[in-house]
Amino acid sequence: MQDADLDHRVHAKSGYLNGVHALSGYVIDPETGRQVVFSILINNRPNNVPSRFVHEFNEKVVELADEWLAEQVARMPKPDNTDQFGG
């Protein structure tokens, strides 16, 4: 994820066990607290497919989650900071 151009924070954990690659975590917008949770499991990767392809795929999924979250935050109504009088 070092080369990814993300707008939000990502907290994730990767793992590998018996031929299964995994990446799970969430993307969070620090200003609004909105989150996107993701979990990616990849198994049966053929030996002729480099594991870097798995990492690139994971990175792309996280980038898409980041873009989606940015769109959702942009659509949120802006807070009305004007003082309100009355009941």
PDB file of N, CA and C in Angstrom:
ATOM      1  N   MET A   1       0.811  -1.199   0.000  1.00  0.00           N
ATOM      2  CA  MET A   1       0.000   0.000   0.000  1.00  0.00           C
ATOM      3  C   MET A   1       0.854   1.263   0.000  1.00  0.00           C
ATOM      4  N   GLN A   2       2.147   1.121  -0.030  1.00  0.00           N
ATOM      5  CA  GLN A   2       3.014   2.293   0.045  1.00  0.00           C
ATOM      6  C   GLN A   2       2.880   3.202  -1.165  1.00  0.00           C
ATOM      7  N   ASP A   3       2.582   2.648  -2.330  1.00  0.00           N
ATOM      8  CA  ASP A   3       2.468   3.452  -3.541  1.00  0.00           C
ATOM      9  C   ASP A   3       1.044   3.904  -3.821  1.00  0.00           C
ATOM     10  N   ALA A   4       0.105   3.480  -3.009  1.00  0.00           N
ATOM     11  CA  ALA A   4      -1.302   3.823  -3.248  1.00  0.00           C
ATOM     12  C   ALA A   4      -1.546   5.292  -2.910  1.00  0.00           C
ATOM     13  N   ASP A   5      -2.330   5.945  -3.741  1.00  0.00           N
ATOM     14  CA  ASP A   5      -2.706   7.336  -3.534  1.00  0.00           C
ATOM     15  C   ASP A   5      -4.099   7.353  -2.918  1.00  0.00           C
ATOM     16  N   LEU A   6      -4.160   7.346  -1.587  1.00  0.00           N
ATOM     17  CA  LEU A   6      -5.436   7.231  -0.881  1.00  0.00           C
ATOM     18  C   LEU A   6      -5.799   8.543  -0.201  1.00  0.00           C
ATOM     19  N   ASP A   7      -7.102   8.811  -0.117  1.00  0.00           N
ATOM     20  CA  ASP A   7      -7.597  10.002   0.556  1.00  0.00           C
ATOM     21  C   ASP A   7      -7.882   9.760   2.036  1.00  0.00           C
ATOM     22  N   HIS A   8      -7.979   8.507   2.440  1.00  0.00           N
ATOM     23  CA  HIS A   8      -8.380   8.167   3.800  1.00  0.00           C
ATOM     24  C   HIS A   8      -7.355   7.242   4.454  1.00  0.00           C
ATOM     25  N   ARG A   9      -7.559   7.014   5.742  1.00  0.00           N
ATOM     26  CA  ARG A   9      -6.697   6.085   6.476  1.00  0.00           C
ATOM     27  C   ARG A   9      -7.151   4.653   6.243  1.00  0.00           C
ATOM     28  N   VAL A  10      -6.192   3.754   6.173  1.00  0.00           N
ATOM     29  CA  VAL A  10      -6.485   2.332   6.019  1.00  0.00           C
ATOM     30  C   VAL A  10      -5.857   1.589   7.194  1.00  0.00           C
ATOM     31  N   HIS A  11      -6.652   0.750   7.817  1.00  0.00           N
ATOM     32  CA  HIS A  11      -6.175  -0.149   8.868  1.00  0.00           C
ATOM     33  C   HIS A  11      -6.486  -1.552   8.377  1.00  0.00           C
ATOM     34  N   ALA A  12      -5.441  -2.364   8.175  1.00  0.00           N
ATOM     35  CA  ALA A  12      -5.665  -3.686   7.592  1.00  0.00           C
ATOM     36  C   ALA A  12      -4.628  -4.680   8.107  1.00  0.00           C
ATOM     37  N   LYS A  13      -4.981  -5.942   7.952  1.00  0.00           N
ATOM     38  CA  LYS A  13      -4.090  -7.047   8.320  1.00  0.00           C
ATOM     39  C   LYS A  13      -4.076  -8.036   7.167  1.00  0.00           C
ATOM     40  N   SER A  14      -2.889  -8.387   6.742  1.00  0.00           N
ATOM     41  CA  SER A  14      -2.760  -9.394   5.690  1.00  0.00           C
ATOM     42  C   SER A  14      -2.357 -10.718   6.321  1.00  0.00           C
ATOM     43  N   GLY A  15      -2.546 -11.778   5.553  1.00  0.00           N
ATOM     44  CA  GLY A  15      -2.152 -13.089   6.049  1.00  0.00           C
ATOM     45  C   GLY A  15      -2.075 -14.098   4.918  1.00  0.00           C
ATOM     46  N   TYR A  16      -1.376 -15.182   5.186  1.00  0.00           N
ATOM     47  CA  TYR A  16      -1.227 -16.261   4.224  1.00  0.00           C
ATOM     48  C   TYR A  16      -1.198 -17.568   5.006  1.00  0.00           C
ATOM     49  N   LEU A  17      -2.033 -18.527   4.573  1.00  0.00           N
ATOM     50  CA  LEU A  17      -2.076 -19.822   5.243  1.00  0.00           C
ATOM     51  C   LEU A  17      -2.525 -20.873   4.248  1.00  0.00           C
ATOM     52  N   ASN A  18      -1.715 -21.888   4.040  1.00  0.00           N
ATOM     53  CA  ASN A  18      -2.066 -23.016   3.173  1.00  0.00           C
ATOM     54  C   ASN A  18      -2.607 -22.591   1.808  1.00  0.00           C
ATOM     55  N   GLY A  19      -1.917 -21.687   1.151  1.00  0.00           N
ATOM     56  CA  GLY A  19      -2.304 -21.287  -0.190  1.00  0.00           C
ATOM     57  C   GLY A  19      -3.400 -20.245  -0.276  1.00  0.00           C
ATOM     58  N   VAL A  20      -3.825 -19.705   0.852  1.00  0.00           N
ATOM     59  CA  VAL A  20      -4.877 -18.689   0.864  1.00  0.00           C
ATOM     60  C   VAL A  20      -4.264 -17.358   1.286  1.00  0.00           C
ATOM     61  N   HIS A  21      -4.410 -16.360   0.412  1.00  0.00           N
ATOM     62  CA  HIS A  21      -3.973 -14.999   0.720  1.00  0.00           C
ATOM     63  C   HIS A  21      -5.178 -14.251   1.260  1.00  0.00           C
ATOM     64  N   ALA A  22      -4.978 -13.432   2.293  1.00  0.00           N
ATOM     65  CA  ALA A  22      -6.089 -12.687   2.871  1.00  0.00           C
ATOM     66  C   ALA A  22      -5.652 -11.265   3.210  1.00  0.00           C
ATOM     67  N   LEU A  23      -6.587 -10.352   3.051  1.00  0.00           N
ATOM     68  CA  LEU A  23      -6.403  -8.975   3.497  1.00  0.00           C
ATOM     69  C   LEU A  23      -7.759  -8.494   3.995  1.00  0.00           C
ATOM     70  N   SER A  24      -7.818  -8.072   5.236  1.00  0.00           N
ATOM     71  CA  SER A  24      -9.060  -7.578   5.823  1.00  0.00           C
ATOM     72  C   SER A  24      -8.770  -6.304   6.586  1.00  0.00           C
ATOM     73  N   GLY A  25      -9.744  -5.416   6.588  1.00  0.00           N
ATOM     74  CA  GLY A  25      -9.572  -4.182   7.335  1.00  0.00           C
ATOM     75  C   GLY A  25     -10.653  -3.189   7.009  1.00  0.00           C
ATOM     76  N   TYR A  26     -10.319  -1.916   7.193  1.00  0.00           N
ATOM     77  CA  TYR A  26     -11.287  -0.882   6.897  1.00  0.00           C
ATOM     78  C   TYR A  26     -10.588   0.384   6.452  1.00  0.00           C
ATOM     79  N   VAL A  27     -11.342   1.183   5.694  1.00  0.00           N
ATOM     80  CA  VAL A  27     -10.919   2.501   5.246  1.00  0.00           C
ATOM     81  C   VAL A  27     -11.782   3.479   6.033  1.00  0.00           C
ATOM     82  N   ILE A  28     -11.163   4.481   6.646  1.00  0.00           N
ATOM     83  CA  ILE A  28     -11.918   5.405   7.491  1.00  0.00           C
ATOM     84  C   ILE A  28     -11.651   6.846   7.091  1.00  0.00           C
ATOM     85  N   ASP A  29     -12.727   7.623   7.063  1.00  0.00           N
ATOM     86  CA  ASP A  29     -12.621   9.061   6.854  1.00  0.00           C
ATOM     87  C   ASP A  29     -12.480   9.690   8.239  1.00  0.00           C
ATOM     88  N   PRO A  30     -11.324  10.281   8.555  1.00  0.00           N
ATOM     89  CA  PRO A  30     -11.106  10.787   9.917  1.00  0.00           C
ATOM     90  C   PRO A  30     -12.008  11.961  10.289  1.00  0.00           C
ATOM     91  N   GLU A  31     -12.490  12.705   9.306  1.00  0.00           N
ATOM     92  CA  GLU A  31     -13.327  13.869   9.611  1.00  0.00           C
ATOM     93  C   GLU A  31     -14.755  13.483   9.966  1.00  0.00           C
ATOM     94  N   THR A  32     -15.300  12.488   9.272  1.00  0.00           N
ATOM     95  CA  THR A  32     -16.696  12.104   9.499  1.00  0.00           C
ATOM     96  C   THR A  32     -16.842  10.822  10.300  1.00  0.00           C
ATOM     97  N   GLY A  33     -15.800  10.019  10.339  1.00  0.00           N
ATOM     98  CA  GLY A  33     -15.882   8.729  11.022  1.00  0.00           C
ATOM     99  C   GLY A  33     -16.501   7.629  10.171  1.00  0.00           C
ATOM    100  N   ARG A  34     -16.932   7.955   8.945  1.00  0.00           N
ATOM    101  CA  ARG A  34     -17.523   6.928   8.067  1.00  0.00           C
ATOM    102  C   ARG A  34     -16.455   5.913   7.696  1.00  0.00           C
ATOM    103  N   GLN A  35     -16.885   4.661   7.565  1.00  0.00           N
ATOM    104  CA  GLN A  35     -15.950   3.568   7.297  1.00  0.00           C
ATOM    105  C   GLN A  35     -16.461   2.658   6.193  1.00  0.00           C
ATOM    106  N   VAL A  36     -15.506   2.015   5.531  1.00  0.00           N
ATOM    107  CA  VAL A  36     -15.801   0.925   4.607  1.00  0.00           C
ATOM    108  C   VAL A  36     -14.985  -0.264   5.101  1.00  0.00           C
ATOM    109  N   VAL A  37     -15.655  -1.371   5.313  1.00  0.00           N
ATOM    110  CA  VAL A  37     -14.993  -2.591   5.766  1.00  0.00           C
ATOM    111  C   VAL A  37     -14.794  -3.501   4.563  1.00  0.00           C
ATOM    112  N   PHE A  38     -13.619  -4.146   4.483  1.00  0.00           N
ATOM    113  CA  PHE A  38     -13.358  -5.051   3.372  1.00  0.00           C
ATOM    114  C   PHE A  38     -12.665  -6.313   3.881  1.00  0.00           C
ATOM    115  N   SER A  39     -12.861  -7.386   3.142  1.00  0.00           N
ATOM    116  CA  SER A  39     -12.164  -8.643   3.402  1.00  0.00           C
ATOM    117  C   SER A  39     -11.977  -9.347   2.059  1.00  0.00           C
ATOM    118  N   ILE A  40     -10.742  -9.622   1.723  1.00  0.00           N
ATOM    119  CA  ILE A  40     -10.399 -10.230   0.443  1.00  0.00           C
ATOM    120  C   ILE A  40      -9.710 -11.564   0.728  1.00  0.00           C
ATOM    121  N   LEU A  41     -10.242 -12.625   0.147  1.00  0.00           N
ATOM    122  CA  LEU A  41      -9.630 -13.955   0.265  1.00  0.00           C
ATOM    123  C   LEU A  41      -9.355 -14.480  -1.129  1.00  0.00           C
ATOM    124  N   ILE A  42      -8.142 -14.925  -1.356  1.00  0.00           N
ATOM    125  CA  ILE A  42      -7.758 -15.465  -2.663  1.00  0.00           C
ATOM    126  C   ILE A  42      -7.109 -16.819  -2.430  1.00  0.00           C
ATOM    127  N   ASN A  43      -7.639 -17.838  -3.096  1.00  0.00           N
ATOM    128  CA  ASN A  43      -7.038 -19.167  -2.974  1.00  0.00           C
ATOM    129  C   ASN A  43      -6.806 -19.761  -4.353  1.00  0.00           C
ATOM    130  N   ASN A  44      -6.115 -20.851  -4.387  1.00  0.00           N
ATOM    131  CA  ASN A  44      -5.816 -21.582  -5.630  1.00  0.00           C
ATOM    132  C   ASN A  44      -5.076 -20.734  -6.669  1.00  0.00           C
ATOM    133  N   ARG A  45      -4.165 -19.887  -6.198  1.00  0.00           N
ATOM    134  CA  ARG A  45      -3.355 -19.115  -7.143  1.00  0.00           C
ATOM    135  C   ARG A  45      -2.420 -20.076  -7.859  1.00  0.00           C
ATOM    136  N   PRO A  46      -2.476 -20.127  -9.188  1.00  0.00           N
ATOM    137  CA  PRO A  46      -1.574 -21.019  -9.923  1.00  0.00           C
ATOM    138  C   PRO A  46      -0.112 -20.631  -9.673  1.00  0.00           C
ATOM    139  N   ASN A  47       0.764 -21.604  -9.671  1.00  0.00           N
ATOM    140  CA  ASN A  47       2.183 -21.361  -9.406  1.00  0.00           C
ATOM    141  C   ASN A  47       2.821 -20.427 -10.424  1.00  0.00           C
ATOM    142  N   ASN A  48       2.271 -20.367 -11.631  1.00  0.00           N
ATOM    143  CA  ASN A  48       2.864 -19.499 -12.652  1.00  0.00           C
ATOM    144  C   ASN A  48       2.383 -18.048 -12.546  1.00  0.00           C
ATOM    145  N   VAL A  49       1.505 -17.764 -11.581  1.00  0.00           N
ATOM    146  CA  VAL A  49       1.040 -16.391 -11.345  1.00  0.00           C
ATOM    147  C   VAL A  49       1.810 -15.836 -10.153  1.00  0.00           C
ATOM    148  N   PRO A  50       2.599 -14.785 -10.371  1.00  0.00           N
ATOM    149  CA  PRO A  50       3.393 -14.229  -9.266  1.00  0.00           C
ATOM    150  C   PRO A  50       2.507 -13.700  -8.133  1.00  0.00           C
ATOM    151  N   SER A  51       2.979 -13.841  -6.910  1.00  0.00           N
ATOM    152  CA  SER A  51       2.203 -13.365  -5.759  1.00  0.00           C
ATOM    153  C   SER A  51       2.052 -11.847  -5.777  1.00  0.00           C
ATOM    154  N   ARG A  52       2.917 -11.147  -6.503  1.00  0.00           N
ATOM    155  CA  ARG A  52       2.761  -9.692  -6.588  1.00  0.00           C
ATOM    156  C   ARG A  52       1.436  -9.318  -7.248  1.00  0.00           C
ATOM    157  N   PHE A  53       0.905 -10.194  -8.113  1.00  0.00           N
ATOM    158  CA  PHE A  53      -0.404  -9.934  -8.723  1.00  0.00           C
ATOM    159  C   PHE A  53      -1.500  -9.923  -7.656  1.00  0.00           C
ATOM    160  N   VAL A  54      -1.368 -10.796  -6.668  1.00  0.00           N
ATOM    161  CA  VAL A  54      -2.318 -10.819  -5.553  1.00  0.00           C
ATOM    162  C   VAL A  54      -2.233  -9.501  -4.791  1.00  0.00           C
ATOM    163  N   HIS A  55      -1.020  -9.045  -4.526  1.00  0.00           N
ATOM    164  CA  HIS A  55      -0.839  -7.789  -3.795  1.00  0.00           C
ATOM    165  C   HIS A  55      -1.382  -6.604  -4.599  1.00  0.00           C
ATOM    166  N   GLU A  56      -1.152  -6.612  -5.902  1.00  0.00           N
ATOM    167  CA  GLU A  56      -1.677  -5.538  -6.754  1.00  0.00           C
ATOM    168  C   GLU A  56      -3.208  -5.549  -6.771  1.00  0.00           C
ATOM    169  N   PHE A  57      -3.792  -6.736  -6.812  1.00  0.00           N
ATOM    170  CA  PHE A  57      -5.251  -6.850  -6.781  1.00  0.00           C
ATOM    171  C   PHE A  57      -5.792  -6.308  -5.461  1.00  0.00           C
ATOM    172  N   ASN A  58      -5.177  -6.723  -4.352  1.00  0.00           N
ATOM    173  CA  ASN A  58      -5.611  -6.234  -3.039  1.00  0.00           C
ATOM    174  C   ASN A  58      -5.543  -4.712  -2.977  1.00  0.00           C
ATOM    175  N   GLU A  59      -4.448  -4.164  -3.490  1.00  0.00           N
ATOM    176  CA  GLU A  59      -4.271  -2.716  -3.473  1.00  0.00           C
ATOM    177  C   GLU A  59      -5.368  -2.026  -4.289  1.00  0.00           C
ATOM    178  N   LYS A  60      -5.711  -2.594  -5.424  1.00  0.00           N
ATOM    179  CA  LYS A  60      -6.756  -2.001  -6.264  1.00  0.00           C
ATOM    180  C   LYS A  60      -8.111  -2.032  -5.556  1.00  0.00           C
ATOM    181  N   VAL A  61      -8.425  -3.109  -4.871  1.00  0.00           N
ATOM    182  CA  VAL A  61      -9.687  -3.193  -4.133  1.00  0.00           C
ATOM    183  C   VAL A  61      -9.734  -2.117  -3.050  1.00  0.00           C
ATOM    184  N   VAL A  62      -8.633  -1.926  -2.333  1.00  0.00           N
ATOM    185  CA  VAL A  62      -8.585  -0.907  -1.288  1.00  0.00           C
ATOM    186  C   VAL A  62      -8.705   0.491  -1.906  1.00  0.00           C
ATOM    187  N   GLU A  63      -8.062   0.718  -3.031  1.00  0.00           N
ATOM    188  CA  GLU A  63      -8.187   2.009  -3.721  1.00  0.00           C
ATOM    189  C   GLU A  63      -9.636   2.268  -4.131  1.00  0.00           C
ATOM    190  N   LEU A  64     -10.320   1.249  -4.626  1.00  0.00           N
ATOM    191  CA  LEU A  64     -11.734   1.406  -5.000  1.00  0.00           C
ATOM    192  C   LEU A  64     -12.604   1.709  -3.777  1.00  0.00           C
ATOM    193  N   ALA A  65     -12.322   1.067  -2.654  1.00  0.00           N
ATOM    194  CA  ALA A  65     -13.059   1.344  -1.424  1.00  0.00           C
ATOM    195  C   ALA A  65     -12.808   2.785  -0.980  1.00  0.00           C
ATOM    196  N   ASP A  66     -11.578   3.242  -1.114  1.00  0.00           N
ATOM    197  CA  ASP A  66     -11.216   4.611  -0.762  1.00  0.00           C
ATOM    198  C   ASP A  66     -11.959   5.611  -1.656  1.00  0.00           C
ATOM    199  N   GLU A  67     -12.011   5.338  -2.960  1.00  0.00           N
ATOM    200  CA  GLU A  67     -12.725   6.216  -3.892  1.00  0.00           C
ATOM    201  C   GLU A  67     -14.222   6.240  -3.576  1.00  0.00           C
ATOM    202  N   TRP A  68     -14.789   5.076  -3.294  1.00  0.00           N
ATOM    203  CA  TRP A  68     -16.215   5.003  -2.981  1.00  0.00           C
ATOM    204  C   TRP A  68     -16.520   5.823  -1.728  1.00  0.00           C
ATOM    205  N   LEU A  69     -15.672   5.677  -0.705  1.00  0.00           N
ATOM    206  CA  LEU A  69     -15.882   6.421   0.531  1.00  0.00           C
ATOM    207  C   LEU A  69     -15.784   7.921   0.275  1.00  0.00           C
ATOM    208  N   ALA A  70     -14.841   8.347  -0.548  1.00  0.00           N
ATOM    209  CA  ALA A  70     -14.705   9.770  -0.876  1.00  0.00           C
ATOM    210  C   ALA A  70     -15.986  10.289  -1.535  1.00  0.00           C
ATOM    211  N   GLU A  71     -16.574   9.496  -2.418  1.00  0.00           N
ATOM    212  CA  GLU A  71     -17.829   9.891  -3.066  1.00  0.00           C
ATOM    213  C   GLU A  71     -18.962   9.998  -2.045  1.00  0.00           C
ATOM    214  N   GLN A  72     -19.035   9.065  -1.132  1.00  0.00           N
ATOM    215  CA  GLN A  72     -20.095   9.078  -0.122  1.00  0.00           C
ATOM    216  C   GLN A  72     -19.952  10.282   0.799  1.00  0.00           C
ATOM    217  N   VAL A  73     -18.738  10.584   1.214  1.00  0.00           N
ATOM    218  CA  VAL A  73     -18.500  11.727   2.095  1.00  0.00           C
ATOM    219  C   VAL A  73     -18.838  13.026   1.364  1.00  0.00           C
ATOM    220  N   ALA A  74     -18.502  13.098   0.077  1.00  0.00           N
ATOM    221  CA  ALA A  74     -18.800  14.307  -0.699  1.00  0.00           C
ATOM    222  C   ALA A  74     -20.307  14.527  -0.835  1.00  0.00           C
ATOM    223  N   ARG A  75     -21.084  13.469  -0.810  1.00  0.00           N
ATOM    224  CA  ARG A  75     -22.548  13.568  -0.949  1.00  0.00           C
ATOM    225  C   ARG A  75     -23.250  13.903   0.361  1.00  0.00           C
ATOM    226  N   MET A  76     -22.530  13.793   1.470  1.00  0.00           N
ATOM    227  CA  MET A  76     -23.149  14.049   2.768  1.00  0.00           C
ATOM    228  C   MET A  76     -23.537  15.521   2.870  1.00  0.00           C
ATOM    229  N   PRO A  77     -24.684  15.794   3.478  1.00  0.00           N
ATOM    230  CA  PRO A  77     -25.057  17.194   3.665  1.00  0.00           C
ATOM    231  C   PRO A  77     -24.043  17.885   4.560  1.00  0.00           C
ATOM    232  N   LYS A  78     -23.752  19.116   4.208  1.00  0.00           N
ATOM    233  CA  LYS A  78     -22.809  19.892   5.015  1.00  0.00           C
ATOM    234  C   LYS A  78     -23.513  20.349   6.280  1.00  0.00           C
ATOM    235  N   PRO A  79     -22.801  20.354   7.409  1.00  0.00           N
ATOM    236  CA  PRO A  79     -23.445  20.797   8.653  1.00  0.00           C
ATOM    237  C   PRO A  79     -23.812  22.275   8.577  1.00  0.00           C
ATOM    238  N   ASP A  80     -24.966  22.592   9.124  1.00  0.00           N
ATOM    239  CA  ASP A  80     -25.425  23.978   9.171  1.00  0.00           C
ATOM    240  C   ASP A  80     -24.868  24.606  10.436  1.00  0.00           C
ATOM    241  N   ASN A  81     -23.888  25.451  10.279  1.00  0.00           N
ATOM    242  CA  ASN A  81     -23.221  26.052  11.439  1.00  0.00           C
ATOM    243  C   ASN A  81     -23.840  27.374  11.860  1.00  0.00           C
ATOM    244  N   THR A  82     -24.974  27.727  11.285  1.00  0.00           N
ATOM    245  CA  THR A  82     -25.619  28.976  11.685  1.00  0.00           C
ATOM    246  C   THR A  82     -26.331  28.765  13.014  1.00  0.00           C
ATOM    247  N   ASP A  83     -26.363  29.816  13.787  1.00  0.00           N
ATOM    248  CA  ASP A  83     -27.077  29.750  15.068  1.00  0.00           C
ATOM    249  C   ASP A  83     -28.576  29.697  14.817  1.00  0.00           C
ATOM    250  N   GLN A  84     -29.254  28.880  15.568  1.00  0.00           N
ATOM    251  CA  GLN A  84     -30.694  28.768  15.419  1.00  0.00           C
ATOM    252  C   GLN A  84     -31.347  29.326  16.675  1.00  0.00           C
ATOM    253  N   PHE A  85     -32.365  30.126  16.457  1.00  0.00           N
ATOM    254  CA  PHE A  85     -33.082  30.717  17.575  1.00  0.00           C
ATOM    255  C   PHE A  85     -34.467  30.102  17.663  1.00  0.00           C
ATOM    256  N   GLY A  86     -34.991  30.095  18.811  1.00  0.00           N
ATOM    257  CA  GLY A  86     -36.344  29.605  18.991  1.00  0.00           C
ATOM    258  C   GLY A  86     -36.356  28.169  19.473  1.00  0.00           C
ATOM    259  N   GLY A  87     -37.531  27.583  19.458  1.00  0.00           N
ATOM    260  CA  GLY A  87     -37.703  26.288  20.060  1.00  0.00           C
ATOM    261  C   GLY A  87     -37.689  25.196  19.140  1.00  0.00           C
TER     262      GLY A  87
END
